């Protein structure tokens, strides 16, 4: 519902800005009615100056949530416009997974600052994920899995299960003293067992797991078709390092699909509507070049029939049609070559 209302909210904000009216009332409404990802889209509908004015009206916590949902170019434009005093607080409460999503486009000073604000556990998670490339599932794993040593009893597993689990968590993983994955037990079964039952007697030993070095595309497909809410991730020695859940898997596949669709048109899904002319031209350089080449080829083709055109002047009316068709056909074949 909030997404459908986005155009109306954009119009309301535009009206208030035009009237130079304080934004306090609409800001409160936006925070209550819209998700951070929708507010990020709303901000990107405005040039940088009014965008900053709207941005600075939100409270710090909501700014942090919006910042994570912004496109890379929009995020960079914002950081360039803000002072360190205003921008550094955006990195105060990032966990390892959130920072990993941002590192590609952040300067080192922001990354170092964010790491300095993390807990020791989150810094360890961030370092572990950095051991893998962004094409490997280990780089994108979450570290919210529930695990328990094999030597304990069912009562201990129940305590772990009731301590508050992350979304899409329905199993506890059982590991040995070296954190090697031995098996799993589902919550539904766990709470039907006697507290004194040894875990070794009831765990499911055959567990579908992902190797941390596996490609993220393949790993996402495995999670989606596994019939489970998440799959555990193990390193080369079989140690449990994290997991990939359905939300993350679908999010990756959707981003991949959107990116491929945008690239087919010479666009970028991370491009900001109000990015500089230089940056926009740079992003479209290949396609602008192809368009220029096809225009020259169409002109050359028409030139082959110069004598005919001089004799039958009426054919000149068809020249724009021929040029357009020529550009389209050449561009189509060039695109097919790139795809193949």
Protein backbone atom coordinates (compact mmCIF):
# COMPACT_ATOMS: atom_id res chain seq x y z
CA UNK A 1 0.00 0.00 0.00
CA UNK A 2 2.80 2.44 0.88
CA UNK A 3 4.40 2.04 -2.56
CA UNK A 4 1.13 2.87 -4.35
CA UNK A 5 0.90 6.08 -2.33
CA UNK A 6 4.43 7.18 -3.27
CA UNK A 7 3.44 9.44 -6.24
CA UNK A 8 0.93 11.25 -3.99
CA UNK A 9 3.57 11.86 -1.34
CA UNK A 10 6.00 13.16 -3.97
CA UNK A 11 3.36 15.67 -5.11
CA UNK A 12 2.72 16.75 -1.50
CA UNK A 13 6.42 17.32 -0.85
CA UNK A 14 6.79 19.22 -4.14
CA UNK A 15 3.89 21.50 -3.17
CA UNK A 16 5.39 22.24 0.26
CA UNK A 17 8.79 22.97 -1.26
CA UNK A 18 7.24 25.31 -3.84
CA UNK A 19 5.42 27.18 -1.08
CA UNK A 20 8.58 27.18 1.09
CA UNK A 21 6.48 25.65 3.87
CA UNK A 22 8.18 23.71 6.73
CA UNK A 23 8.23 19.96 6.08
CA UNK A 24 7.70 18.82 9.67
CA UNK A 25 4.14 17.57 9.19
CA UNK A 26 4.81 15.63 5.98
CA UNK A 27 8.05 14.15 7.37
CA UNK A 28 6.19 12.62 10.31
CA UNK A 29 3.62 11.21 7.90
CA UNK A 30 6.34 9.76 5.65
CA UNK A 31 8.07 8.04 8.57
CA UNK A 32 4.78 6.46 9.67
CA UNK A 33 3.39 5.52 6.25
CA UNK A 34 6.39 4.56 4.12
CA UNK A 35 9.15 1.99 4.36
CA UNK A 36 12.76 3.24 4.15
CA UNK A 37 13.12 1.79 0.63
CA UNK A 38 10.11 3.82 -0.54
CA UNK A 39 11.45 7.00 1.05
CA UNK A 40 14.73 6.35 -0.77
CA UNK A 41 12.77 6.30 -4.05
CA UNK A 42 10.97 9.49 -3.04
CA UNK A 43 14.25 11.31 -2.39
CA UNK A 44 15.62 10.26 -5.78
CA UNK A 45 12.70 12.08 -7.44
CA UNK A 46 14.21 15.43 -6.39
CA UNK A 47 17.36 17.33 -7.43
CA UNK A 48 20.19 17.38 -4.91
CA UNK A 49 19.35 20.67 -3.11
CA UNK A 50 15.71 19.91 -2.22
CA UNK A 51 16.74 16.31 -1.64
CA UNK A 52 19.16 17.43 1.07
CA UNK A 53 16.48 19.61 2.63
CA UNK A 54 14.09 16.64 2.84
CA UNK A 55 16.84 14.31 4.04
CA UNK A 56 17.89 16.57 6.90
CA UNK A 57 14.31 16.67 8.17
CA UNK A 58 14.32 12.96 9.08
CA UNK A 59 15.61 11.71 12.42
CA UNK A 60 19.03 10.03 12.54
CA UNK A 61 17.76 6.46 12.91
CA UNK A 62 15.42 6.79 9.93
CA UNK A 63 18.24 8.37 7.90
CA UNK A 64 20.38 5.31 8.59
CA UNK A 65 17.64 3.00 7.31
CA UNK A 66 17.05 5.10 4.18
CA UNK A 67 20.78 5.23 3.49
CA UNK A 68 20.98 1.44 3.26
CA UNK A 69 18.15 1.35 0.69
CA UNK A 70 19.56 4.02 -1.64
CA UNK A 71 21.10 3.31 -5.03
CA UNK A 72 24.88 3.50 -5.11
CA UNK A 73 25.00 6.73 -7.11
CA UNK A 74 22.38 8.40 -4.93
CA UNK A 75 24.28 7.35 -1.82
CA UNK A 76 27.52 8.74 -3.21
CA UNK A 77 25.86 12.03 -4.19
CA UNK A 78 24.54 12.37 -0.65
CA UNK A 79 27.94 11.67 0.95
CA UNK A 80 29.59 14.21 -1.34
CA UNK A 81 27.06 16.86 -0.30
CA UNK A 82 27.21 16.18 3.47
CA UNK A 83 29.95 17.17 5.89
CA UNK A 84 31.74 14.49 7.91
CA UNK A 85 29.82 15.61 10.97
CA UNK A 86 26.55 14.74 9.22
CA UNK A 87 27.68 11.68 7.24
CA UNK A 88 29.71 9.68 9.78
CA UNK A 89 26.72 8.95 12.07
CA UNK A 90 25.20 7.00 9.18
CA UNK A 91 27.83 4.32 9.80
CA UNK A 92 27.49 4.09 13.58
CA UNK A 93 25.24 1.03 13.77
CA UNK A 94 26.05 -1.02 10.68
CA UNK A 95 26.43 -4.77 11.09
CA UNK A 96 28.79 -6.88 8.98
CA UNK A 97 26.19 -7.76 6.33
CA UNK A 98 25.02 -4.17 5.88
CA UNK A 99 28.57 -2.89 5.48
CA UNK A 100 29.38 -5.62 2.97
CA UNK A 101 26.56 -4.37 0.73
CA UNK A 102 28.07 -0.87 0.77
CA UNK A 103 31.84 -1.47 0.59
CA UNK A 104 32.10 -1.46 -3.22
CA UNK A 105 31.26 2.23 -3.46
CA UNK A 106 32.52 3.58 -0.13
CA UNK A 107 35.82 5.31 0.48
CA UNK A 108 38.23 3.65 2.90
CA UNK A 109 37.68 6.24 5.61
CA UNK A 110 33.97 5.44 5.83
CA UNK A 111 34.66 1.69 5.90
CA UNK A 112 37.29 2.08 8.61
CA UNK A 113 34.97 4.27 10.66
CA UNK A 114 32.09 1.76 10.36
CA UNK A 115 34.37 -1.11 11.40
CA UNK A 116 35.59 0.86 14.42
CA UNK A 117 31.98 1.20 15.59
CA UNK A 118 31.23 -2.51 15.30
CA UNK A 119 31.36 -5.02 18.11
CA UNK A 120 34.27 -7.47 18.11
CA UNK A 121 31.91 -10.22 16.91
CA UNK A 122 30.67 -8.15 13.96
CA UNK A 123 34.24 -7.22 13.01
CA UNK A 124 35.10 -10.91 12.98
CA UNK A 125 32.10 -11.64 10.74
CA UNK A 126 33.08 -8.83 8.37
CA UNK A 127 36.64 -10.11 8.13
CA UNK A 128 35.43 -13.66 7.49
CA UNK A 129 33.13 -12.54 4.67
CA UNK A 130 35.95 -10.50 3.12
CA UNK A 131 37.92 -13.73 2.63
CA UNK A 132 35.58 -14.50 -0.28
CA UNK A 133 34.98 -12.60 -3.50
CA UNK A 134 31.62 -10.94 -4.15
CA UNK A 135 30.87 -13.74 -6.62
CA UNK A 136 31.01 -16.38 -3.88
CA UNK A 137 28.21 -17.13 -1.45
CA UNK A 138 30.61 -16.89 1.49
CA UNK A 139 30.84 -13.15 0.90
CA UNK A 140 27.07 -12.74 1.32
CA UNK A 141 26.39 -15.22 4.10
CA UNK A 142 24.53 -14.11 7.21
CA UNK A 143 25.86 -15.01 10.64
CA UNK A 144 22.56 -15.41 12.48
CA UNK A 145 22.44 -19.20 12.39
CA UNK A 146 21.60 -21.13 15.58
CA UNK A 147 24.06 -23.87 16.49
CA UNK A 148 24.76 -26.08 19.47
CA UNK A 149 27.46 -28.66 20.40
CA UNK A 150 26.55 -32.31 19.86
CA UNK A 151 27.37 -33.36 23.45
CA UNK A 152 24.43 -31.42 24.94
CA UNK A 153 20.87 -32.59 25.53
CA UNK A 154 17.57 -31.52 24.00
CA UNK A 155 16.89 -29.17 26.95
CA UNK A 156 19.88 -27.02 25.94
CA UNK A 157 18.69 -26.88 22.33
CA UNK A 158 15.26 -25.72 23.50
CA UNK A 159 16.84 -22.87 25.46
CA UNK A 160 18.76 -21.78 22.35
CA UNK A 161 15.59 -21.95 20.25
CA UNK A 162 13.62 -19.74 22.66
CA UNK A 163 16.25 -17.00 23.01
CA UNK A 164 14.96 -15.13 19.98
CA UNK A 165 15.88 -16.22 16.50
CA UNK A 166 16.32 -14.40 13.23
CA UNK A 167 13.65 -14.46 10.54
CA UNK A 168 13.42 -17.62 8.42
CA UNK A 169 15.01 -19.74 11.14
CA UNK A 170 13.36 -23.09 11.77
CA UNK A 171 16.28 -25.41 12.59
CA UNK A 172 19.22 -25.63 14.97
CA UNK A 173 22.50 -26.87 13.54
CA UNK A 174 24.54 -29.37 15.55
CA UNK A 175 28.35 -29.06 15.43
CA UNK A 176 31.32 -30.82 16.99
CA UNK A 177 34.12 -29.27 19.05
CA UNK A 178 35.73 -27.85 15.90
CA UNK A 179 32.46 -26.32 14.66
CA UNK A 180 32.15 -28.92 11.89
CA UNK A 181 28.54 -29.38 10.81
CA UNK A 182 27.17 -32.75 11.92
CA UNK A 183 23.43 -32.37 11.42
CA UNK A 184 20.32 -30.36 12.23
CA UNK A 185 17.07 -30.61 14.12
CA UNK A 186 13.87 -28.73 13.31
CA UNK A 187 12.07 -26.63 15.92
CA UNK A 188 8.80 -28.50 15.31
CA UNK A 189 10.37 -31.79 16.27
CA UNK A 190 12.59 -30.36 18.98
CA UNK A 191 9.73 -29.27 21.23
CA UNK A 192 8.09 -32.71 21.12
CA UNK A 193 11.15 -34.43 22.63
CA UNK A 194 12.02 -35.14 26.24
CA UNK A 195 14.52 -32.68 27.74
CA UNK A 196 16.90 -35.46 28.74
CA UNK A 197 17.23 -36.88 25.22
CA UNK A 198 20.81 -36.64 23.85
CA UNK A 199 21.04 -34.60 20.65
CA UNK A 200 23.07 -37.33 18.97
CA UNK A 201 20.01 -39.61 19.12
CA UNK A 202 17.62 -37.27 17.30
CA UNK A 203 19.54 -35.06 14.85
CA UNK A 204 19.11 -35.35 11.10
CA UNK A 205 22.53 -36.33 9.78
CA UNK A 206 22.00 -35.76 6.05
CA UNK A 207 22.02 -31.98 5.72
CA UNK A 208 22.04 -30.06 2.43
CA UNK A 209 24.80 -27.47 2.79
CA UNK A 210 26.45 -24.86 0.59
CA UNK A 211 30.21 -24.54 0.25
CA UNK A 212 31.37 -20.98 0.97
CA UNK A 213 33.31 -20.89 -2.32
CA UNK A 214 30.19 -21.74 -4.38
CA UNK A 215 28.99 -19.07 -6.81
CA UNK A 216 26.26 -16.86 -5.37
CA UNK A 217 23.97 -17.44 -8.38
CA UNK A 218 24.10 -21.21 -8.01
CA UNK A 219 23.77 -21.00 -4.23
CA UNK A 220 20.69 -18.78 -4.47
CA UNK A 221 19.05 -21.29 -6.82
CA UNK A 222 19.80 -24.15 -4.42
CA UNK A 223 18.18 -22.32 -1.53
CA UNK A 224 15.09 -21.41 -3.57
CA UNK A 225 14.56 -24.99 -4.79
CA UNK A 226 15.55 -26.68 -1.53
CA UNK A 227 12.12 -26.36 0.05
CA UNK A 228 13.77 -24.95 3.18
CA UNK A 229 13.83 -21.46 4.65
CA UNK A 230 17.65 -21.39 4.63
CA UNK A 231 20.69 -23.55 3.93
CA UNK A 232 23.85 -23.69 6.06
CA UNK A 233 27.20 -22.59 4.62
CA UNK A 234 30.39 -24.51 5.37
CA UNK A 235 34.05 -23.81 4.61
CA UNK A 236 36.47 -26.18 2.88
CA UNK A 237 37.01 -28.07 6.16
CA UNK A 238 33.30 -28.61 6.76
CA UNK A 239 33.03 -25.98 9.53
CA UNK A 240 29.74 -24.12 9.80
CA UNK A 241 30.35 -20.46 8.95
CA UNK A 242 26.87 -19.02 8.31
CA UNK A 243 23.78 -19.49 6.20
CA UNK A 244 21.85 -18.14 3.20
CA UNK A 245 18.10 -17.70 3.69
CA UNK A 246 15.25 -17.44 1.21
CA UNK A 247 14.94 -13.67 1.54
CA UNK A 248 18.58 -13.13 0.61
CA UNK A 249 18.37 -15.69 -2.21
CA UNK A 250 15.31 -14.09 -3.81
CA UNK A 251 16.73 -10.61 -3.31
CA UNK A 252 19.89 -11.59 -5.18
CA UNK A 253 17.95 -13.18 -8.05
CA UNK A 254 15.69 -10.14 -8.40
CA UNK A 255 18.66 -7.76 -8.40
CA UNK A 256 20.38 -9.91 -11.02
CA UNK A 257 17.26 -9.94 -13.21
CA UNK A 258 16.76 -6.17 -12.88
CA UNK A 259 20.41 -5.51 -13.63
CA UNK A 260 20.34 -7.64 -16.78
CA UNK A 261 17.16 -5.91 -17.94
CA UNK A 262 18.66 -2.45 -17.41
CA UNK A 263 21.95 -3.37 -19.06
CA UNK A 264 20.13 -4.61 -22.15
CA UNK A 265 19.01 -1.01 -22.63
CA UNK A 266 22.38 0.50 -21.84
CA UNK A 267 21.21 1.66 -18.41
CA UNK A 268 22.28 0.98 -14.84
CA UNK A 269 19.90 0.07 -12.05
CA UNK A 270 22.12 2.09 -9.71
CA UNK A 271 21.98 5.30 -11.74
CA UNK A 272 20.46 8.40 -10.18
CA UNK A 273 18.04 10.48 -12.24
CA UNK A 274 19.87 13.66 -11.23
CA UNK A 275 23.42 12.37 -11.66
CA UNK A 276 25.87 14.66 -13.47
CA UNK A 277 25.91 14.78 -17.28
CA UNK A 278 29.46 13.44 -17.27
CA UNK A 279 28.52 10.42 -15.14
CA UNK A 280 25.41 9.67 -17.18
CA UNK A 281 27.39 9.90 -20.41
CA UNK A 282 30.07 7.64 -19.01
CA UNK A 283 27.47 5.01 -18.08
CA UNK A 284 26.01 5.12 -21.59
CA UNK A 285 29.29 5.49 -23.48
CA UNK A 286 29.14 2.06 -25.15
CA UNK A 287 25.55 2.46 -26.30
CA UNK A 288 26.07 6.05 -27.43
CA UNK A 289 29.05 4.84 -29.45
CA UNK A 290 27.02 2.03 -31.01
CA UNK A 291 24.28 4.50 -31.91
CA UNK A 292 26.84 6.80 -33.57
CA UNK A 293 28.35 3.94 -35.56
CA UNK A 294 24.96 2.70 -36.76
CA UNK A 295 24.05 6.26 -37.83
CA UNK A 296 27.19 6.44 -39.98
CA UNK A 297 26.47 3.01 -41.46
CA UNK A 298 22.92 4.06 -42.34
CA UNK A 299 24.22 7.23 -44.01
CA UNK A 300 26.78 5.20 -45.95
CA UNK A 301 24.07 2.80 -47.10
CA UNK A 302 21.89 5.67 -48.36
CA UNK A 303 24.92 7.12 -50.15
CA UNK A 304 25.14 3.96 -52.26
CA UNK A 305 21.87 4.98 -53.92
CA UNK A 306 22.76 8.64 -54.51
CA UNK A 307 22.34 8.35 -58.28
CA UNK A 308 18.92 6.76 -57.92
CA UNK A 309 17.82 9.45 -55.47
CA UNK A 310 18.85 12.17 -57.93
CA UNK A 311 16.68 10.59 -60.61
CA UNK A 312 13.68 9.82 -58.38
CA UNK A 313 13.56 12.67 -55.87
CA UNK A 314 10.38 11.32 -54.26
CA UNK A 315 12.44 8.51 -52.76
CA UNK A 316 14.12 11.10 -50.52
CA UNK A 317 10.94 11.07 -48.41
CA UNK A 318 11.81 7.50 -47.39
CA UNK A 319 15.37 8.36 -46.31
CA UNK A 320 14.52 8.88 -42.59
CA UNK A 321 12.68 5.53 -42.60
CA UNK A 322 15.63 3.75 -44.20
CA UNK A 323 18.06 5.38 -41.77
CA UNK A 324 16.01 4.41 -38.72
CA UNK A 325 15.54 0.84 -39.93
CA UNK A 326 19.22 0.54 -40.73
CA UNK A 327 20.26 1.75 -37.27
CA UNK A 328 17.78 -0.60 -35.63
CA UNK A 329 18.91 -3.68 -37.58
CA UNK A 330 22.61 -3.01 -37.06
CA UNK A 331 22.10 -2.33 -33.35
CA UNK A 332 20.05 -5.53 -33.05
CA UNK A 333 22.79 -7.66 -34.62
CA UNK A 334 25.51 -6.01 -32.53
CA UNK A 335 23.47 -6.67 -29.37
CA UNK A 336 23.06 -10.32 -30.36
CA UNK A 337 26.82 -10.58 -30.82
CA UNK A 338 27.41 -9.18 -27.30
CA UNK A 339 24.84 -11.53 -25.75
CA UNK A 340 26.15 -14.62 -27.53
